[in-house]
């Protein structure tokens, strides 16, 4: 008996083995039970896909934030060096004060 498309995970390598086992168990059920469980299983799979997409977006945003922080720290250090250099130049112009 062929597995219905709706119970076939899109990428079995990314689906937890427990859910693959559940899909196989649902496939082995008689049609009335399978018809009842298939929509529930699909909602679970959709939830997993959404959570993974959200996790990926969050990870990308964190990576971008880390990079932005590195740029900001670099800029802060450059600004401090410039400030210190200008102070030294100013002190050299007014040595008697």
PDB file of N, CA and C in Angstrom:
ATOM      1  N   UNK A   1       0.848  -1.166   0.000  1.00  0.00           N
ATOM      2  CA  UNK A   1       0.000   0.000   0.000  1.00  0.00           C
ATOM      3  C   UNK A   1       0.898   1.235   0.000  1.00  0.00           C
ATOM      4  N   UNK A   2       0.700   2.147  -0.929  1.00  0.00           N
ATOM      5  CA  UNK A   2       1.528   3.351  -1.041  1.00  0.00           C
ATOM      6  C   UNK A   2       1.137   4.360   0.021  1.00  0.00           C
ATOM      7  N   UNK A   3       2.133   5.086   0.475  1.00  0.00           N
ATOM      8  CA  UNK A   3       1.895   6.085   1.501  1.00  0.00           C
ATOM      9  C   UNK A   3       1.239   7.304   0.852  1.00  0.00           C
ATOM     10  N   UNK A   4       0.155   7.836   1.428  1.00  0.00           N
ATOM     11  CA  UNK A   4      -0.479   9.014   0.843  1.00  0.00           C
ATOM     12  C   UNK A   4       0.487  10.195   0.879  1.00  0.00           C
ATOM     13  N   UNK A   5       0.355  11.047  -0.103  1.00  0.00           N
ATOM     14  CA  UNK A   5       1.239  12.209  -0.201  1.00  0.00           C
ATOM     15  C   UNK A   5       1.148  13.072   1.048  1.00  0.00           C
ATOM     16  N   UNK A   6      -0.034  13.185   1.626  1.00  0.00           N
ATOM     17  CA  UNK A   6      -0.213  14.078   2.760  1.00  0.00           C
ATOM     18  C   UNK A   6       0.566  13.621   3.988  1.00  0.00           C
ATOM     19  N   UNK A   7       0.854  12.333   4.110  1.00  0.00           N
ATOM     20  CA  UNK A   7       1.613  11.843   5.252  1.00  0.00           C
ATOM     21  C   UNK A   7       3.093  11.741   4.960  1.00  0.00           C
ATOM     22  N   UNK A   8       3.489  12.039   3.758  1.00  0.00           N
ATOM     23  CA  UNK A   8       4.885  11.946   3.385  1.00  0.00           C
ATOM     24  C   UNK A   8       5.578  13.258   3.724  1.00  0.00           C
ATOM     25  N   UNK A   9       6.521  13.258   4.665  1.00  0.00           N
ATOM     26  CA  UNK A   9       7.240  14.492   4.985  1.00  0.00           C
ATOM     27  C   UNK A   9       7.996  14.988   3.765  1.00  0.00           C
ATOM     28  N   UNK A  10       8.073  16.305   3.617  1.00  0.00           N
ATOM     29  CA  UNK A  10       8.712  16.878   2.441  1.00  0.00           C
ATOM     30  C   UNK A  10      10.201  16.549   2.386  1.00  0.00           C
ATOM     31  N   UNK A  11      10.863  16.528   3.522  1.00  0.00           N
ATOM     32  CA  UNK A  11      12.287  16.202   3.571  1.00  0.00           C
ATOM     33  C   UNK A  11      12.510  15.316   4.788  1.00  0.00           C
ATOM     34  N   UNK A  12      12.508  14.000   4.604  1.00  0.00           N
ATOM     35  CA  UNK A  12      12.612  13.092   5.749  1.00  0.00           C
ATOM     36  C   UNK A  12      13.849  13.315   6.602  1.00  0.00           C
ATOM     37  N   UNK A  13      14.912  13.847   6.036  1.00  0.00           N
ATOM     38  CA  UNK A  13      16.136  14.056   6.812  1.00  0.00           C
ATOM     39  C   UNK A  13      15.960  15.150   7.861  1.00  0.00           C
ATOM     40  N   UNK A  14      15.037  16.080   7.631  1.00  0.00           N
ATOM     41  CA  UNK A  14      14.843  17.177   8.573  1.00  0.00           C
ATOM     42  C   UNK A  14      13.695  16.930   9.541  1.00  0.00           C
ATOM     43  N   UNK A  15      12.992  15.846   9.370  1.00  0.00           N
ATOM     44  CA  UNK A  15      11.862  15.524  10.231  1.00  0.00           C
ATOM     45  C   UNK A  15      12.333  14.588  11.341  1.00  0.00           C
ATOM     46  N   UNK A  16      11.978  14.904  12.592  1.00  0.00           N
ATOM     47  CA  UNK A  16      12.382  14.010  13.689  1.00  0.00           C
ATOM     48  C   UNK A  16      11.913  12.583  13.446  1.00  0.00           C
ATOM     49  N   UNK A  17      12.729  11.628  13.883  1.00  0.00           N
ATOM     50  CA  UNK A  17      12.407  10.215  13.635  1.00  0.00           C
ATOM     51  C   UNK A  17      11.091   9.811  14.284  1.00  0.00           C
ATOM     52  N   UNK A  18      10.753  10.441  15.413  1.00  0.00           N
ATOM     53  CA  UNK A  18       9.485  10.119  16.077  1.00  0.00           C
ATOM     54  C   UNK A  18       8.296  10.458  15.186  1.00  0.00           C
ATOM     55  N   UNK A  19       8.399  11.581  14.464  1.00  0.00           N
ATOM     56  CA  UNK A  19       7.300  11.955  13.575  1.00  0.00           C
ATOM     57  C   UNK A  19       7.265  11.062  12.339  1.00  0.00           C
ATOM     58  N   UNK A  20       8.408  10.619  11.892  1.00  0.00           N
ATOM     59  CA  UNK A  20       8.419   9.668  10.779  1.00  0.00           C
ATOM     60  C   UNK A  20       7.765   8.361  11.218  1.00  0.00           C
ATOM     61  N   UNK A  21       8.071   7.941  12.437  1.00  0.00           N
ATOM     62  CA  UNK A  21       7.437   6.725  12.971  1.00  0.00           C
ATOM     63  C   UNK A  21       5.930   6.918  13.082  1.00  0.00           C
ATOM     64  N   UNK A  22       5.514   8.105  13.552  1.00  0.00           N
ATOM     65  CA  UNK A  22       4.087   8.391  13.670  1.00  0.00           C
ATOM     66  C   UNK A  22       3.420   8.359  12.303  1.00  0.00           C
ATOM     67  N   UNK A  23       4.057   8.939  11.290  1.00  0.00           N
ATOM     68  CA  UNK A  23       3.496   8.923   9.937  1.00  0.00           C
ATOM     69  C   UNK A  23       3.337   7.478   9.450  1.00  0.00           C
ATOM     70  N   UNK A  24       4.336   6.645   9.724  1.00  0.00           N
ATOM     71  CA  UNK A  24       4.241   5.237   9.332  1.00  0.00           C
ATOM     72  C   UNK A  24       3.129   4.522  10.090  1.00  0.00           C
ATOM     73  N   UNK A  25       2.984   4.827  11.378  1.00  0.00           N
ATOM     74  CA  UNK A  25       1.932   4.201  12.178  1.00  0.00           C
ATOM     75  C   UNK A  25       0.556   4.630  11.678  1.00  0.00           C
ATOM     76  N   UNK A  26       0.417   5.918  11.356  1.00  0.00           N
ATOM     77  CA  UNK A  26      -0.869   6.404  10.833  1.00  0.00           C
ATOM     78  C   UNK A  26      -1.155   5.746   9.493  1.00  0.00           C
ATOM     79  N   UNK A  27      -0.130   5.555   8.683  1.00  0.00           N
ATOM     80  CA  UNK A  27      -0.303   4.912   7.384  1.00  0.00           C
ATOM     81  C   UNK A  27      -0.826   3.490   7.537  1.00  0.00           C
ATOM     82  N   UNK A  28      -0.440   2.826   8.619  1.00  0.00           N
ATOM     83  CA  UNK A  28      -0.866   1.450   8.825  1.00  0.00           C
ATOM     84  C   UNK A  28      -2.279   1.314   9.361  1.00  0.00           C
ATOM     85  N   UNK A  29      -2.920   2.412   9.721  1.00  0.00           N
ATOM     86  CA  UNK A  29      -4.278   2.364  10.262  1.00  0.00           C
ATOM     87  C   UNK A  29      -5.315   2.192   9.164  1.00  0.00           C
ATOM     88  N   UNK A  30      -6.478   1.669   9.513  1.00  0.00           N
ATOM     89  CA  UNK A  30      -7.573   1.619   8.528  1.00  0.00           C
ATOM     90  C   UNK A  30      -7.955   3.035   8.073  1.00  0.00           C
ATOM     91  N   UNK A  31      -8.516   3.123   6.892  1.00  0.00           N
ATOM     92  CA  UNK A  31      -8.809   4.417   6.258  1.00  0.00           C
ATOM     93  C   UNK A  31      -9.619   5.384   7.126  1.00  0.00           C
ATOM     94  N   UNK A  32     -10.668   4.976   7.818  1.00  0.00           N
ATOM     95  CA  UNK A  32     -11.426   5.973   8.612  1.00  0.00           C
ATOM     96  C   UNK A  32     -10.558   6.640   9.687  1.00  0.00           C
ATOM     97  N   UNK A  33      -9.705   5.852  10.348  1.00  0.00           N
ATOM     98  CA  UNK A  33      -8.833   6.419  11.383  1.00  0.00           C
ATOM     99  C   UNK A  33      -7.741   7.292  10.759  1.00  0.00           C
ATOM    100  N   UNK A  34      -7.236   6.807   9.654  1.00  0.00           N
ATOM    101  CA  UNK A  34      -6.202   7.560   8.947  1.00  0.00           C
ATOM    102  C   UNK A  34      -6.748   8.919   8.502  1.00  0.00           C
ATOM    103  N   UNK A  35      -7.989   8.930   8.012  1.00  0.00           N
ATOM    104  CA  UNK A  35      -8.613  10.180   7.566  1.00  0.00           C
ATOM    105  C   UNK A  35      -8.795  11.146   8.730  1.00  0.00           C
ATOM    106  N   UNK A  36      -9.036  10.631   9.922  1.00  0.00           N
ATOM    107  CA  UNK A  36      -9.185  11.484  11.102  1.00  0.00           C
ATOM    108  C   UNK A  36      -7.830  12.052  11.553  1.00  0.00           C
ATOM    109  N   UNK A  37      -6.801  11.234  11.500  1.00  0.00           N
ATOM    110  CA  UNK A  37      -5.505  11.643  12.034  1.00  0.00           C
ATOM    111  C   UNK A  37      -4.666  12.445  11.048  1.00  0.00           C
ATOM    112  N   UNK A  38      -4.910  12.267   9.772  1.00  0.00           N
ATOM    113  CA  UNK A  38      -4.102  12.959   8.770  1.00  0.00           C
ATOM    114  C   UNK A  38      -4.129  14.475   8.930  1.00  0.00           C
ATOM    115  N   UNK A  39      -5.283  15.126   9.091  1.00  0.00           N
ATOM    116  CA  UNK A  39      -5.267  16.596   9.253  1.00  0.00           C
ATOM    117  C   UNK A  39      -4.526  17.044  10.520  1.00  0.00           C
ATOM    118  N   UNK A  40      -4.649  16.279  11.580  1.00  0.00           N
ATOM    119  CA  UNK A  40      -3.945  16.622  12.813  1.00  0.00           C
ATOM    120  C   UNK A  40      -2.440  16.509  12.602  1.00  0.00           C
ATOM    121  N   UNK A  41      -2.036  15.440  11.944  1.00  0.00           N
ATOM    122  CA  UNK A  41      -0.622  15.245  11.651  1.00  0.00           C
ATOM    123  C   UNK A  41      -0.097  16.383  10.769  1.00  0.00           C
ATOM    124  N   UNK A  42      -0.884  16.791   9.794  1.00  0.00           N
ATOM    125  CA  UNK A  42      -0.472  17.886   8.911  1.00  0.00           C
ATOM    126  C   UNK A  42      -0.323  19.195   9.677  1.00  0.00           C
ATOM    127  N   UNK A  43      -1.206  19.447  10.647  1.00  0.00           N
ATOM    128  CA  UNK A  43      -1.071  20.659  11.466  1.00  0.00           C
ATOM    129  C   UNK A  43       0.215  20.615  12.280  1.00  0.00           C
ATOM    130  N   UNK A  44       0.538  19.450  12.805  1.00  0.00           N
ATOM    131  CA  UNK A  44       1.796  19.301  13.553  1.00  0.00           C
ATOM    132  C   UNK A  44       2.975  19.564  12.633  1.00  0.00           C
ATOM    133  N   UNK A  45       2.959  18.988  11.437  1.00  0.00           N
ATOM    134  CA  UNK A  45       4.053  19.184  10.484  1.00  0.00           C
ATOM    135  C   UNK A  45       4.166  20.655  10.072  1.00  0.00           C
ATOM    136  N   UNK A  46       3.020  21.302   9.844  1.00  0.00           N
ATOM    137  CA  UNK A  46       3.043  22.727   9.489  1.00  0.00           C
ATOM    138  C   UNK A  46       3.616  23.550  10.637  1.00  0.00           C
ATOM    139  N   UNK A  47       3.260  23.207  11.860  1.00  0.00           N
ATOM    140  CA  UNK A  47       3.805  23.907  13.020  1.00  0.00           C
ATOM    141  C   UNK A  47       5.310  23.746  13.113  1.00  0.00           C
ATOM    142  N   UNK A  48       5.792  22.549  12.850  1.00  0.00           N
ATOM    143  CA  UNK A  48       7.241  22.301  12.874  1.00  0.00           C
ATOM    144  C   UNK A  48       7.932  23.142  11.802  1.00  0.00           C
ATOM    145  N   UNK A  49       7.354  23.170  10.602  1.00  0.00           N
ATOM    146  CA  UNK A  49       7.950  23.968   9.521  1.00  0.00           C
ATOM    147  C   UNK A  49       7.976  25.452   9.887  1.00  0.00           C
ATOM    148  N   UNK A  50       6.868  25.954  10.452  1.00  0.00           N
ATOM    149  CA  UNK A  50       6.823  27.363  10.845  1.00  0.00           C
ATOM    150  C   UNK A  50       7.857  27.661  11.926  1.00  0.00           C
ATOM    151  N   UNK A  51       7.962  26.781  12.923  1.00  0.00           N
ATOM    152  CA  UNK A  51       8.948  27.000  13.993  1.00  0.00           C
ATOM    153  C   UNK A  51      10.368  27.003  13.435  1.00  0.00           C
ATOM    154  N   UNK A  52      10.629  26.131  12.498  1.00  0.00           N
ATOM    155  CA  UNK A  52      11.976  26.095  11.895  1.00  0.00           C
ATOM    156  C   UNK A  52      12.245  27.355  11.088  1.00  0.00           C
ATOM    157  N   UNK A  53      11.233  27.831  10.370  1.00  0.00           N
ATOM    158  CA  UNK A  53      11.405  29.079   9.622  1.00  0.00           C
ATOM    159  C   UNK A  53      11.652  30.243  10.580  1.00  0.00           C
ATOM    160  N   UNK A  54      10.887  30.289  11.660  1.00  0.00           N
ATOM    161  CA  UNK A  54      11.058  31.353  12.650  1.00  0.00           C
ATOM    162  C   UNK A  54      12.433  31.257  13.283  1.00  0.00           C
ATOM    163  N   UNK A  55      12.849  30.051  13.632  1.00  0.00           N
ATOM    164  CA  UNK A  55      14.177  29.861  14.220  1.00  0.00           C
ATOM    165  C   UNK A  55      15.260  30.321  13.252  1.00  0.00           C
ATOM    166  N   UNK A  56      15.105  30.001  11.990  1.00  0.00           N
ATOM    167  CA  UNK A  56      16.081  30.420  10.986  1.00  0.00           C
ATOM    168  C   UNK A  56      16.125  31.942  10.879  1.00  0.00           C
ATOM    169  N   UNK A  57      14.959  32.588  10.881  1.00  0.00           N
ATOM    170  CA  UNK A  57      14.910  34.046  10.827  1.00  0.00           C
ATOM    171  C   UNK A  57      15.560  34.670  12.049  1.00  0.00           C
ATOM    172  N   UNK A  58      15.303  34.095  13.215  1.00  0.00           N
ATOM    173  CA  UNK A  58      15.894  34.608  14.449  1.00  0.00           C
ATOM    174  C   UNK A  58      17.410  34.439  14.418  1.00  0.00           C
ATOM    175  N   UNK A  59      17.876  33.285  13.962  1.00  0.00           N
ATOM    176  CA  UNK A  59      19.321  33.065  13.872  1.00  0.00           C
ATOM    177  C   UNK A  59      19.969  34.043  12.900  1.00  0.00           C
ATOM    178  N   UNK A  60      19.308  34.288  11.764  1.00  0.00           N
ATOM    179  CA  UNK A  60      19.839  35.261  10.802  1.00  0.00           C
ATOM    180  C   UNK A  60      19.883  36.657  11.414  1.00  0.00           C
ATOM    181  N   UNK A  61      18.801  37.016  12.125  1.00  0.00           N
ATOM    182  CA  UNK A  61      18.755  38.336  12.750  1.00  0.00           C
ATOM    183  C   UNK A  61      19.846  38.469  13.816  1.00  0.00           C
ATOM    184  N   UNK A  62      20.083  37.421  14.583  1.00  0.00           N
ATOM    185  CA  UNK A  62      21.141  37.463  15.589  1.00  0.00           C
ATOM    186  C   UNK A  62      22.518  37.579  14.949  1.00  0.00           C
ATOM    187  N   UNK A  63      22.731  36.877  13.863  1.00  0.00           N
ATOM    188  CA  UNK A  63      24.011  36.988  13.155  1.00  0.00           C
ATOM    189  C   UNK A  63      24.216  38.411  12.648  1.00  0.00           C
ATOM    190  N   UNK A  64      23.156  38.977  12.109  1.00  0.00           N
ATOM    191  CA  UNK A  64      23.241  40.350  11.615  1.00  0.00           C
ATOM    192  C   UNK A  64      23.502  41.323  12.767  1.00  0.00           C
ATOM    193  N   UNK A  65      22.836  41.097  13.895  1.00  0.00           N
ATOM    194  CA  UNK A  65      23.042  41.944  15.070  1.00  0.00           C
ATOM    195  C   UNK A  65      24.483  41.846  15.571  1.00  0.00           C
ATOM    196  N   UNK A  66      25.029  40.637  15.598  1.00  0.00           N
ATOM    197  CA  UNK A  66      26.423  40.462  16.011  1.00  0.00           C
ATOM    198  C   UNK A  66      27.366  41.234  15.095  1.00  0.00           C
ATOM    199  N   UNK A  67      27.114  41.154  13.809  1.00  0.00           N
ATOM    200  CA  UNK A  67      27.960  41.867  12.854  1.00  0.00           C
ATOM    201  C   UNK A  67      27.811  43.372  13.056  1.00  0.00           C
ATOM    202  N   UNK A  68      26.591  43.841  13.242  1.00  0.00           N
ATOM    203  CA  UNK A  68      26.380  45.266  13.491  1.00  0.00           C
ATOM    204  C   UNK A  68      27.099  45.717  14.757  1.00  0.00           C
ATOM    205  N   UNK A  69      27.068  44.888  15.798  1.00  0.00           N
ATOM    206  CA  UNK A  69      27.763  45.222  17.042  1.00  0.00           C
ATOM    207  C   UNK A  69      29.269  45.317  16.816  1.00  0.00           C
ATOM    208  N   UNK A  70      29.819  44.426  16.011  1.00  0.00           N
ATOM    209  CA  UNK A  70      31.254  44.486  15.716  1.00  0.00           C
ATOM    210  C   UNK A  70      31.597  45.786  14.999  1.00  0.00           C
ATOM    211  N   UNK A  71      30.761  46.167  14.018  1.00  0.00           N
ATOM    212  CA  UNK A  71      30.991  47.426  13.314  1.00  0.00           C
ATOM    213  C   UNK A  71      30.891  48.616  14.264  1.00  0.00           C
ATOM    214  N   UNK A  72      29.894  48.587  15.150  1.00  0.00           N
ATOM    215  CA  UNK A  72      29.721  49.688  16.096  1.00  0.00           C
ATOM    216  C   UNK A  72      30.899  49.782  17.061  1.00  0.00           C
ATOM    217  N   UNK A  73      31.374  48.650  17.546  1.00  0.00           N
ATOM    218  CA  UNK A  73      32.532  48.671  18.446  1.00  0.00           C
ATOM    219  C   UNK A  73      33.778  49.179  17.725  1.00  0.00           C
ATOM    220  N   UNK A  74      33.951  48.758  16.483  1.00  0.00           N
ATOM    221  CA  UNK A  74      35.076  49.254  15.696  1.00  0.00           C
ATOM    222  C   UNK A  74      34.974  50.768  15.530  1.00  0.00           C
ATOM    223  N   UNK A  75      33.781  51.242  15.201  1.00  0.00           N
ATOM    224  CA  UNK A  75      33.568  52.669  15.016  1.00  0.00           C
ATOM    225  C   UNK A  75      33.797  53.436  16.322  1.00  0.00           C
ATOM    226  N   UNK A  76      33.340  52.874  17.430  1.00  0.00           N
ATOM    227  CA  UNK A  76      33.539  53.504  18.735  1.00  0.00           C
ATOM    228  C   UNK A  76      35.030  53.629  19.055  1.00  0.00           C
ATOM    229  N   UNK A  77      35.760  52.559  18.833  1.00  0.00           N
ATOM    230  CA  UNK A  77      37.199  52.605  19.092  1.00  0.00           C
ATOM    231  C   UNK A  77      37.897  53.618  18.185  1.00  0.00           C
ATOM    232  N   UNK A  78      37.512  53.685  16.918  1.00  0.00           N
ATOM    233  CA  UNK A  78      38.102  54.655  15.997  1.00  0.00           C
ATOM    234  C   UNK A  78      37.773  56.078  16.452  1.00  0.00           C
ATOM    235  N   UNK A  79      36.546  56.295  16.898  1.00  0.00           N
ATOM    236  CA  UNK A  79      36.148  57.617  17.388  1.00  0.00           C
ATOM    237  C   UNK A  79      36.941  57.991  18.631  1.00  0.00           C
ATOM    238  N   UNK A  80      37.151  57.046  19.527  1.00  0.00           N
ATOM    239  CA  UNK A  80      37.946  57.318  20.731  1.00  0.00           C
ATOM    240  C   UNK A  80      39.391  57.657  20.372  1.00  0.00           C
ATOM    241  N   UNK A  81      39.957  56.916  19.429  1.00  0.00           N
ATOM    242  CA  UNK A  81      41.330  57.212  19.003  1.00  0.00           C
ATOM    243  C   UNK A  81      41.423  58.615  18.395  1.00  0.00           C
ATOM    244  N   UNK A  82      40.442  58.963  17.566  1.00  0.00           N
ATOM    245  CA  UNK A  82      40.426  60.306  16.975  1.00  0.00           C
ATOM    246  C   UNK A  82      40.304  61.373  18.055  1.00  0.00           C
ATOM    247  N   UNK A  83      39.411  61.152  19.011  1.00  0.00           N
ATOM    248  CA  UNK A  83      39.236  62.103  20.111  1.00  0.00           C
ATOM    249  C   UNK A  83      40.540  62.294  20.878  1.00  0.00           C
ATOM    250  N   UNK A  84      41.193  61.188  21.209  1.00  0.00           N
ATOM    251  CA  UNK A  84      42.447  61.272  21.954  1.00  0.00           C
ATOM    252  C   UNK A  84      43.523  61.996  21.143  1.00  0.00           C
ATOM    253  N   UNK A  85      43.564  61.745  19.862  1.00  0.00           N
ATOM    254  CA  UNK A  85      44.537  62.421  19.001  1.00  0.00           C
ATOM    255  C   UNK A  85      44.251  63.920  18.958  1.00  0.00           C
ATOM    256  N   UNK A  86      43.001  64.297  18.822  1.00  0.00           N
ATOM    257  CA  UNK A  86      42.652  65.722  18.804  1.00  0.00           C
ATOM    258  C   UNK A  86      42.982  66.381  20.140  1.00  0.00           C
ATOM    259  N   UNK A  87      42.783  65.678  21.247  1.00  0.00           N
ATOM    260  CA  UNK A  87      43.144  66.218  22.568  1.00  0.00           C
ATOM    261  C   UNK A  87      44.644  66.460  22.662  1.00  0.00           C
ATOM    262  N   UNK A  88      45.419  65.506  22.178  1.00  0.00           N
ATOM    263  CA  UNK A  88      46.883  65.674  22.190  1.00  0.00           C
ATOM    264  C   UNK A  88      47.305  66.875  21.347  1.00  0.00           C
ATOM    265  N   UNK A  89      46.689  67.005  20.176  1.00  0.00           N
ATOM    266  CA  UNK A  89      47.008  68.145  19.316  1.00  0.00           C
ATOM    267  C   UNK A  89      46.627  69.458  19.984  1.00  0.00           C
ATOM    268  N   UNK A  90      45.470  69.474  20.635  1.00  0.00           N
ATOM    269  CA  UNK A  90      45.027  70.679  21.331  1.00  0.00           C
ATOM    270  C   UNK A  90      45.971  71.020  22.484  1.00  0.00           C
ATOM    271  N   UNK A  91      46.413  70.037  23.227  1.00  0.00           N
ATOM    272  CA  UNK A  91      47.333  70.257  24.332  1.00  0.00           C
ATOM    273  C   UNK A  91      48.687  70.759  23.821  1.00  0.00           C
ATOM    274  N   UNK A  92      49.090  70.318  22.651  1.00  0.00           N
ATOM    275  CA  UNK A  92      50.354  70.786  22.083  1.00  0.00           C
ATOM    276  C   UNK A  92      50.244  72.253  21.630  1.00  0.00           C
ATOM    277  N   UNK A  93      49.055  72.678  21.220  1.00  0.00           N
ATOM    278  CA  UNK A  93      48.849  74.060  20.806  1.00  0.00           C
ATOM    279  C   UNK A  93      48.833  75.006  22.003  1.00  0.00           C
ATOM    280  N   UNK A  94      48.374  74.504  23.186  1.00  0.00           N
ATOM    281  CA  UNK A  94      48.288  75.327  24.396  1.00  0.00           C
ATOM    282  C   UNK A  94      49.090  74.689  25.513  1.00  0.00           C
ATOM    283  N   UNK A  95      50.380  74.658  25.418  1.00  0.00           N
ATOM    284  CA  UNK A  95      51.170  73.965  26.433  1.00  0.00           C
ATOM    285  C   UNK A  95      51.215  74.685  27.774  1.00  0.00           C
ATOM    286  N   UNK A  96      51.028  75.996  27.846  1.00  0.00           N
ATOM    287  CA  UNK A  96      51.160  76.728  29.076  1.00  0.00           C
ATOM    288  C   UNK A  96      49.961  76.676  29.999  1.00  0.00           C
ATOM    289  N   UNK A  97      48.892  76.137  29.625  1.00  0.00           N
ATOM    290  CA  UNK A  97      47.684  76.188  30.463  1.00  0.00           C
ATOM    291  C   UNK A  97      47.651  75.145  31.521  1.00  0.00           C
TER     292      UNK A  97
END
